[in-house]
Protein backbone atom coordinates (compact mmCIF):
# COMPACT_ATOMS: atom_id res chain seq x y z
CA MET A 1 -4.50 115.67 206.95
CA THR A 2 -3.12 116.37 210.58
CA GLU A 3 0.46 117.50 210.77
CA ILE A 4 2.87 115.48 212.10
CA GLU A 5 4.48 117.79 215.07
CA SER A 6 7.89 117.97 214.29
CA SER A 7 9.00 117.28 217.79
CA THR A 8 7.78 113.71 217.42
CA ILE A 9 9.56 112.89 214.22
CA GLU A 10 12.97 110.46 215.08
CA MET A 11 16.07 109.57 213.32
CA THR A 12 15.30 106.24 212.54
CA ASP A 13 11.53 106.80 211.10
CA LEU A 14 13.94 109.59 208.69
CA LEU A 15 16.40 107.04 208.11
CA GLN A 16 13.63 103.75 207.06
CA LEU A 17 11.41 106.09 204.92
CA CYS A 18 15.34 107.05 203.01
CA VAL A 19 15.96 103.23 202.44
CA ASP A 20 12.56 102.61 201.14
CA GLU A 21 11.67 105.65 199.13
CA GLY A 22 14.97 104.79 197.38
CA ALA A 23 16.17 108.67 198.62
CA SER A 24 19.19 109.91 197.87
CA ASP A 25 19.96 111.98 200.29
CA LEU A 26 17.56 113.79 203.27
CA HIS A 27 17.94 117.01 204.51
CA LEU A 28 17.20 118.91 208.02
CA ALA A 29 17.22 121.91 207.99
CA VAL A 30 15.45 124.48 211.06
CA GLY A 31 12.37 126.05 209.30
CA THR A 32 11.38 123.34 206.56
CA PRO A 33 9.93 119.79 206.88
CA PRO A 34 12.27 117.33 206.52
CA THR A 35 13.01 116.82 203.09
CA LEU A 36 14.46 113.64 200.82
CA ARG A 37 15.83 113.72 197.20
CA VAL A 38 14.08 111.33 195.53
CA HIS A 39 14.88 110.81 191.94
CA GLY A 40 16.56 113.78 191.60
CA ARG A 41 13.43 115.94 193.13
CA MET A 42 13.63 116.92 196.66
CA THR A 43 10.12 116.37 198.34
CA PRO A 44 9.45 117.48 201.50
CA LEU A 45 7.59 115.26 204.84
CA GLU A 46 4.23 116.11 204.88
CA THR A 47 5.36 117.38 208.79
CA ALA A 48 5.77 120.27 210.41
CA SER A 49 9.16 122.65 210.05
CA LEU A 50 11.83 121.79 212.21
CA THR A 51 12.45 124.15 215.10
CA ARG A 52 16.45 124.48 216.41
CA ASP A 53 15.79 122.11 219.62
CA ASP A 54 14.75 119.61 216.94
CA THR A 55 17.90 119.18 214.56
CA GLU A 56 19.72 119.13 217.23
CA ARG A 57 17.82 116.65 218.94
CA LEU A 58 18.47 114.60 215.67
CA MET A 59 22.06 115.50 214.87
CA LYS A 60 22.70 113.89 217.90
CA SER A 61 21.16 110.48 217.87
CA VAL A 62 23.89 110.15 215.16
CA THR A 63 26.76 112.08 215.98
CA SER A 64 29.01 110.43 218.27
CA PRO A 65 30.23 113.16 220.84
CA GLU A 66 34.01 113.79 218.69
CA HIS A 67 31.84 114.75 216.02
CA GLN A 68 30.06 116.93 217.64
CA GLN A 69 32.90 118.78 218.81
CA GLN A 70 34.11 119.44 215.70
CA VAL A 71 30.82 120.80 214.73
CA ARG A 72 31.18 123.66 218.16
CA GLU A 73 34.91 124.00 216.91
CA HIS A 74 35.11 124.35 213.53
CA GLY A 75 31.47 124.52 212.31
CA GLY A 76 31.20 121.65 210.92
CA THR A 77 31.86 117.64 210.30
CA ASP A 78 31.28 114.84 208.16
CA PHE A 79 31.73 110.53 208.89
CA GLY A 80 30.17 107.47 207.98
CA PHE A 81 27.32 106.27 209.95
CA GLY A 82 25.89 102.54 209.92
CA PHE A 83 21.59 102.41 209.56
CA GLY A 84 21.71 98.52 210.54
CA THR A 85 21.95 96.11 207.83
CA GLN A 86 20.18 97.64 205.81
CA ALA A 87 22.33 100.82 204.41
CA ARG A 88 24.91 103.47 205.03
CA PHE A 89 24.77 107.13 205.40
CA ARG A 90 27.60 109.58 204.25
CA VAL A 91 26.44 112.17 207.26
CA SER A 92 27.86 116.27 207.04
CA VAL A 93 26.66 118.24 209.70
CA LEU A 94 26.59 122.13 209.26
CA LYS A 95 26.03 125.21 211.07
CA ALA A 96 24.00 127.75 209.33
CA LYS A 97 22.69 131.12 210.70
CA GLY A 98 24.22 130.01 213.86
CA ASN A 99 21.36 126.77 213.60
CA ILE A 100 22.08 122.73 213.57
CA GLY A 101 21.65 121.73 209.60
CA VAL A 102 22.41 117.60 208.35
CA VAL A 103 22.52 116.15 204.98
CA MET A 104 23.38 112.59 204.94
CA ARG A 105 23.62 110.56 201.49
CA LEU A 106 22.53 106.94 201.40
CA ILE A 107 24.96 104.28 200.27
CA PRO A 108 22.97 100.86 199.20
CA ASN A 109 24.55 97.70 200.81
CA ASP A 110 24.16 96.37 197.28
CA LEU A 111 26.49 96.86 194.76
CA LEU A 112 25.51 97.44 191.41
CA SER A 113 27.35 95.81 188.59
CA LEU A 114 29.14 97.99 185.60
CA ASP A 115 26.48 96.61 183.48
CA ASP A 116 23.64 97.50 186.00
CA ILE A 117 25.79 101.39 185.78
CA GLY A 118 25.46 101.53 181.92
CA LEU A 119 29.27 101.22 181.77
CA PRO A 120 31.10 99.15 177.98
CA GLY A 121 32.49 95.83 178.47
CA GLN A 122 35.84 97.22 177.84
CA ILE A 123 35.97 99.19 181.54
CA LYS A 124 36.03 95.79 182.84
CA GLU A 125 39.20 94.70 180.89
CA LEU A 126 41.07 98.03 182.33
CA LEU A 127 40.32 96.73 185.94
CA PHE A 128 43.01 94.25 185.05
CA ARG A 129 46.42 96.25 183.74
CA PRO A 130 49.08 96.31 186.48
CA ARG A 131 49.55 100.23 186.34
CA GLY A 132 48.18 103.21 186.00
CA LEU A 133 45.69 105.92 187.02
CA ILE A 134 41.92 105.40 186.44
CA LEU A 135 39.68 108.77 187.51
CA VAL A 136 36.37 109.26 187.74
CA THR A 137 34.99 112.83 187.96
CA GLY A 138 31.62 114.31 187.44
CA PRO A 139 30.00 116.91 189.46
CA THR A 140 28.75 116.30 193.40
CA GLY A 141 25.85 113.41 193.03
CA SER A 142 26.75 112.02 189.35
CA GLY A 143 27.36 109.05 191.38
CA LYS A 144 31.41 108.81 191.08
CA THR A 145 31.55 106.87 194.53
CA THR A 146 28.99 103.98 192.48
CA THR A 147 30.65 103.59 189.83
CA LEU A 148 34.23 103.80 191.75
CA ALA A 149 32.81 101.64 194.09
CA SER A 150 31.59 98.53 191.12
CA MET A 151 35.19 98.46 189.79
CA LEU A 152 36.88 97.68 192.92
CA ASP A 153 34.09 94.70 193.89
CA VAL A 154 34.97 93.38 190.24
CA ILE A 155 38.71 93.79 191.47
CA ASN A 156 37.79 92.13 195.11
CA GLN A 157 36.22 88.95 193.38
CA GLU A 158 38.60 88.11 190.56
CA ARG A 159 41.72 89.30 191.18
CA GLU A 160 44.21 88.05 194.37
CA CYS A 161 45.95 91.14 194.90
CA HIS A 162 45.89 93.46 198.09
CA LEU A 163 43.62 96.53 197.83
CA LEU A 164 44.25 99.90 199.38
CA THR A 165 41.15 102.20 199.96
CA ILE A 166 41.88 105.96 201.43
CA GLU A 167 38.36 107.76 201.87
CA ASP A 168 36.82 110.69 203.73
CA PRO A 169 34.49 109.16 204.66
CA ILE A 170 34.66 105.21 204.09
CA GLU A 171 31.15 105.32 201.91
CA TYR A 172 31.04 101.17 200.93
CA TYR A 173 31.81 98.51 202.74
CA HIS A 174 34.17 96.30 200.86
CA GLN A 175 34.15 92.48 202.07
CA HIS A 176 37.15 90.67 201.81
CA LYS A 177 36.69 88.11 198.63
CA MET A 178 39.51 87.49 196.03
CA SER A 179 41.56 90.19 197.54
CA LEU A 180 42.22 91.42 200.74
CA VAL A 181 40.94 94.63 201.45
CA THR A 182 41.97 97.39 203.68
CA GLN A 183 39.91 100.52 203.70
CA ARG A 184 41.41 103.10 205.91
CA GLU A 185 39.17 107.10 206.69
CA ILE A 186 40.45 110.37 207.00
CA GLY A 187 40.36 111.63 210.52
CA VAL A 188 39.93 108.14 212.53
CA ASP A 189 42.51 105.60 210.60
CA VAL A 190 45.41 108.55 209.31
CA PRO A 191 45.13 112.13 209.68
CA SER A 192 45.45 113.18 205.90
CA PHE A 193 45.00 112.03 202.02
CA PRO A 194 48.92 113.04 201.43
CA GLU A 195 49.77 111.05 204.56
CA ALA A 196 47.92 108.13 203.64
CA LEU A 197 49.45 107.60 200.43
CA ARG A 198 52.64 108.37 201.66
CA ARG A 199 52.92 105.14 204.37
CA GLY A 200 50.07 102.96 201.84
CA LEU A 201 53.16 102.68 199.63
CA ARG A 202 55.03 100.55 202.31
CA GLN A 203 52.01 98.83 202.92
CA ASP A 204 52.69 96.51 199.64
CA PRO A 205 48.91 97.56 197.88
CA ASP A 206 48.68 96.53 194.10
CA VAL A 207 45.26 98.63 193.75
CA ILE A 208 44.28 101.95 195.68
CA MET A 209 41.45 103.85 195.41
CA VAL A 210 41.95 107.66 196.30
CA GLY A 211 38.87 109.03 197.69
CA GLU A 212 39.41 112.04 195.98
CA MET A 213 42.00 114.47 194.92
CA ARG A 214 41.61 117.19 196.43
CA ASP A 215 45.09 119.35 196.58
CA LEU A 216 48.38 119.46 195.00
CA GLU A 217 50.11 117.21 197.19
CA THR A 218 47.18 114.38 197.07
CA MET A 219 47.65 114.43 192.90
CA GLU A 220 51.42 114.70 192.97
CA ALA A 221 51.36 111.10 195.63
CA ALA A 222 47.98 109.35 192.95
CA ILE A 223 50.30 110.48 190.05
CA THR A 224 54.45 108.83 191.70
CA ALA A 225 51.74 105.75 193.03
CA SER A 226 50.62 105.32 189.32
CA GLU A 227 54.21 105.03 187.97
CA THR A 228 55.56 102.72 190.33
CA GLY A 229 53.47 99.46 190.08
CA HIS A 230 50.44 100.29 190.96
CA LEU A 231 46.64 100.61 189.58
CA VAL A 232 45.46 103.80 191.67
CA PHE A 233 42.00 105.59 190.66
CA ALA A 234 40.84 108.52 191.75
CA THR A 235 38.07 111.18 191.80
CA LEU A 236 37.88 114.30 190.88
CA HIS A 237 35.32 116.88 190.35
CA THR A 238 35.91 117.46 186.66
CA THR A 239 33.81 117.27 183.24
CA GLY A 240 35.45 115.96 180.22
CA ALA A 241 38.45 113.71 179.90
CA ALA A 242 40.24 117.08 178.40
CA ARG A 243 39.32 119.18 180.87
CA THR A 244 40.38 116.94 183.78
CA VAL A 245 43.89 116.96 182.58
CA ASP A 246 43.67 120.77 182.38
CA ARG A 247 42.64 120.68 185.68
CA ILE A 248 45.37 118.45 187.03
CA VAL A 249 48.01 120.31 185.10
CA ASP A 250 46.95 123.81 185.80
CA ALA A 251 47.21 123.03 189.59
CA PHE A 252 50.91 122.53 189.72
CA PRO A 253 53.75 125.07 189.69
CA THR A 254 54.27 126.43 185.82
CA ILE A 255 57.95 125.21 186.42
CA GLN A 256 56.73 121.51 186.69
CA GLN A 257 53.93 121.30 184.50
CA ALA A 258 55.56 119.93 181.13
CA GLN A 259 56.78 117.02 183.88
CA ILE A 260 53.33 116.29 184.61
CA ARG A 261 52.29 116.32 181.45
CA THR A 262 54.48 113.59 180.71
CA GLN A 263 53.98 111.75 183.68
CA LEU A 264 49.80 111.81 182.80
CA ALA A 265 50.78 110.68 179.50
CA SER A 266 52.24 107.80 180.36
CA GLY A 267 50.56 106.58 183.83
CA ILE A 268 46.45 107.42 182.73
CA VAL A 269 44.72 104.53 181.61
CA ALA A 270 40.99 106.04 181.49
CA VAL A 271 38.94 108.79 182.80
CA VAL A 272 35.43 108.01 183.13
CA SER A 273 32.92 111.36 182.89
CA GLN A 274 29.75 110.78 184.00
CA LEU A 275 25.90 112.92 185.10
CA LEU A 276 22.70 111.20 186.26
CA LEU A 277 19.46 112.45 184.70
CA MET A 278 16.69 112.36 185.20
CA ARG A 279 14.10 109.69 184.01
CA ILE A 280 11.51 110.11 181.71
CA ASP A 281 10.25 107.26 180.56
CA ARG A 282 10.34 105.53 184.51
CA PRO A 283 10.64 106.74 188.08
CA GLY A 284 14.69 106.85 188.67
CA ARG A 285 17.88 107.87 186.76
CA VAL A 286 20.40 107.47 184.42
CA ALA A 287 23.86 107.71 184.22
CA ALA A 288 25.77 109.35 180.64
CA PHE A 289 29.27 109.37 180.20
CA GLU A 290 32.18 110.15 178.70
CA ILE A 291 34.89 107.81 178.13
CA MET A 292 38.23 108.11 177.60
CA ILE A 293 40.70 104.92 176.84
CA SER A 294 44.67 106.28 176.82
CA THR A 295 45.77 105.18 173.14
CA PRO A 296 49.27 106.55 171.78
CA SER A 297 47.32 109.53 169.76
CA ILE A 298 45.88 110.55 173.31
CA GLU A 299 49.02 109.77 175.00
CA ALA A 300 51.08 112.34 172.71
CA LEU A 301 48.40 114.81 172.90
CA ILE A 302 48.54 115.25 176.84
CA ARG A 303 52.47 115.25 176.49
CA ASP A 304 52.45 117.79 173.85
CA ASN A 305 49.69 119.79 175.44
CA LYS A 306 46.98 119.52 172.89
CA THR A 307 44.28 118.54 175.29
CA PHE A 308 41.36 120.34 173.47
CA ARG A 309 41.97 117.76 170.65
CA ILE A 310 41.10 114.98 172.60
CA THR A 311 37.57 115.21 171.76
CA SER A 312 37.86 114.10 168.52
CA ASP A 313 39.96 111.55 169.67
CA ILE A 314 37.28 110.04 171.40
CA GLN A 315 34.66 110.66 168.61
CA THR A 316 36.73 108.27 166.65
CA GLY A 317 37.78 106.09 169.69
CA ALA A 318 34.57 103.80 169.52
CA LYS A 319 36.43 100.76 169.00
CA HIS A 320 38.39 101.20 171.90
CA GLY A 321 35.13 101.68 173.95
CA MET A 322 34.83 106.00 173.92
CA ILE A 323 32.48 107.74 173.68
CA THR A 324 31.91 111.53 174.34
CA LEU A 325 29.26 112.62 177.13
CA ASP A 326 27.21 114.57 174.41
CA ALA A 327 26.92 111.36 171.84
CA HIS A 328 26.03 108.86 174.92
CA MET A 329 23.39 111.87 175.91
CA MET A 330 21.83 111.80 172.70
CA ALA A 331 21.52 108.07 172.87
CA LEU A 332 19.65 108.09 175.74
CA TYR A 333 17.44 111.02 174.28
CA GLU A 334 17.05 108.67 171.22
CA ALA A 335 15.85 105.56 172.97
CA GLY A 336 12.87 108.10 175.20
CA GLN A 337 15.30 108.14 178.81
CA ILE A 338 16.13 111.66 178.67
CA SER A 339 13.92 114.63 178.13
CA TYR A 340 15.11 117.39 175.36
CA GLU A 341 15.67 119.86 178.46
CA ASP A 342 18.49 118.22 179.98
CA LEU A 343 19.94 116.95 176.54
CA ILE A 344 20.69 120.76 175.20
CA THR A 345 21.40 121.97 179.24
CA LYS A 346 23.57 119.64 179.70
CA ALA A 347 25.52 118.79 176.32
CA ASN A 348 28.81 120.00 176.57
CA GLU A 349 29.19 121.29 173.03
CA PRO A 350 24.35 122.27 172.46
CA GLU A 351 24.73 123.45 169.07
CA GLY A 352 26.10 120.57 168.17
CA ILE A 353 23.22 118.26 169.79
CA LEU A 354 21.02 121.16 167.61
CA ASP A 355 22.58 120.57 164.38
CA LYS A 356 22.34 117.00 164.64
CA LEU A 357 18.90 116.73 165.37
CA ALA A 358 18.13 119.75 162.58
CA GLY A 359 19.94 117.54 160.13
CA SER A 360 17.95 114.32 161.59
CA GLY A 361 14.94 116.46 161.08
CA LYS A 362 13.86 114.85 165.12
CA LYS A 363 12.24 117.11 167.32
CA LYS A 364 11.88 118.19 170.99
């Protein structure tokens, strides 16, 4: 097969290939062919390796002069990019060894339902709460943005309210349905998350979505908003409810931590932690969830700094819609959807999984 010359590659063709192949990401880097991530696997295209001129040319084809200036001054930039009516991409331009690189995350236009994602019905009930904090957590690339967007779409379709999102950059576009939706982008519409939250409280919102709680100021503002009559959604790069609570509390100075624990105890509605795992029954990936829904017992554990006991409450909270990550992964494994290797390596407590497998007589 004749290798395609890198100088003839066009960004439009690469983006179309992303959409057609169902790729989650497109990577452009000097010294290697354009590479798609398809169902979690990195898949280089059958072309010549990209040169320095190639990556710069491809970058400029989708990057505004303002963002190009940011790359020159700061070594990188992030923005959203619309690919006609087919999809949006979250674009990250970077410099590495003095060369330009580009990573583009595909954001499908069609939102998934909560059933499609695999969330239990009890989660939908939480979306009608008048106030509180719902956190969606997990590592990068675990589908947090998609889960949040699907939750907001339920609210948009079924609640008469003002829905305010604060994102960097805006990924999913939400049309006005039953709700009025205001989407603000950091660096375009407002300078920072804390500033957007402060101003947002004066804009009569009922529901606020914070793309990411990155710093102390944003965490403080989001917690305060959840206490003052708003339903607040946010993401964190943590795994598990207990770790999420600890991560927030530890971000504050010691003198404030008791107060923050009290605020979180009364404010947290739910923590949804998720991972995306490779399917073995068919092409694609499947989400594994840990779901914690606040109860009086969990409120007391957070307030009394006994978060290490939260997992035990989740294990016995099935009637509330709760499940641990390990229990959900075990169910996916028993259903033949994920591999033994993923079950063991991604579990929070692999020893417990091995004990269960041994007790049931099941082998890999």
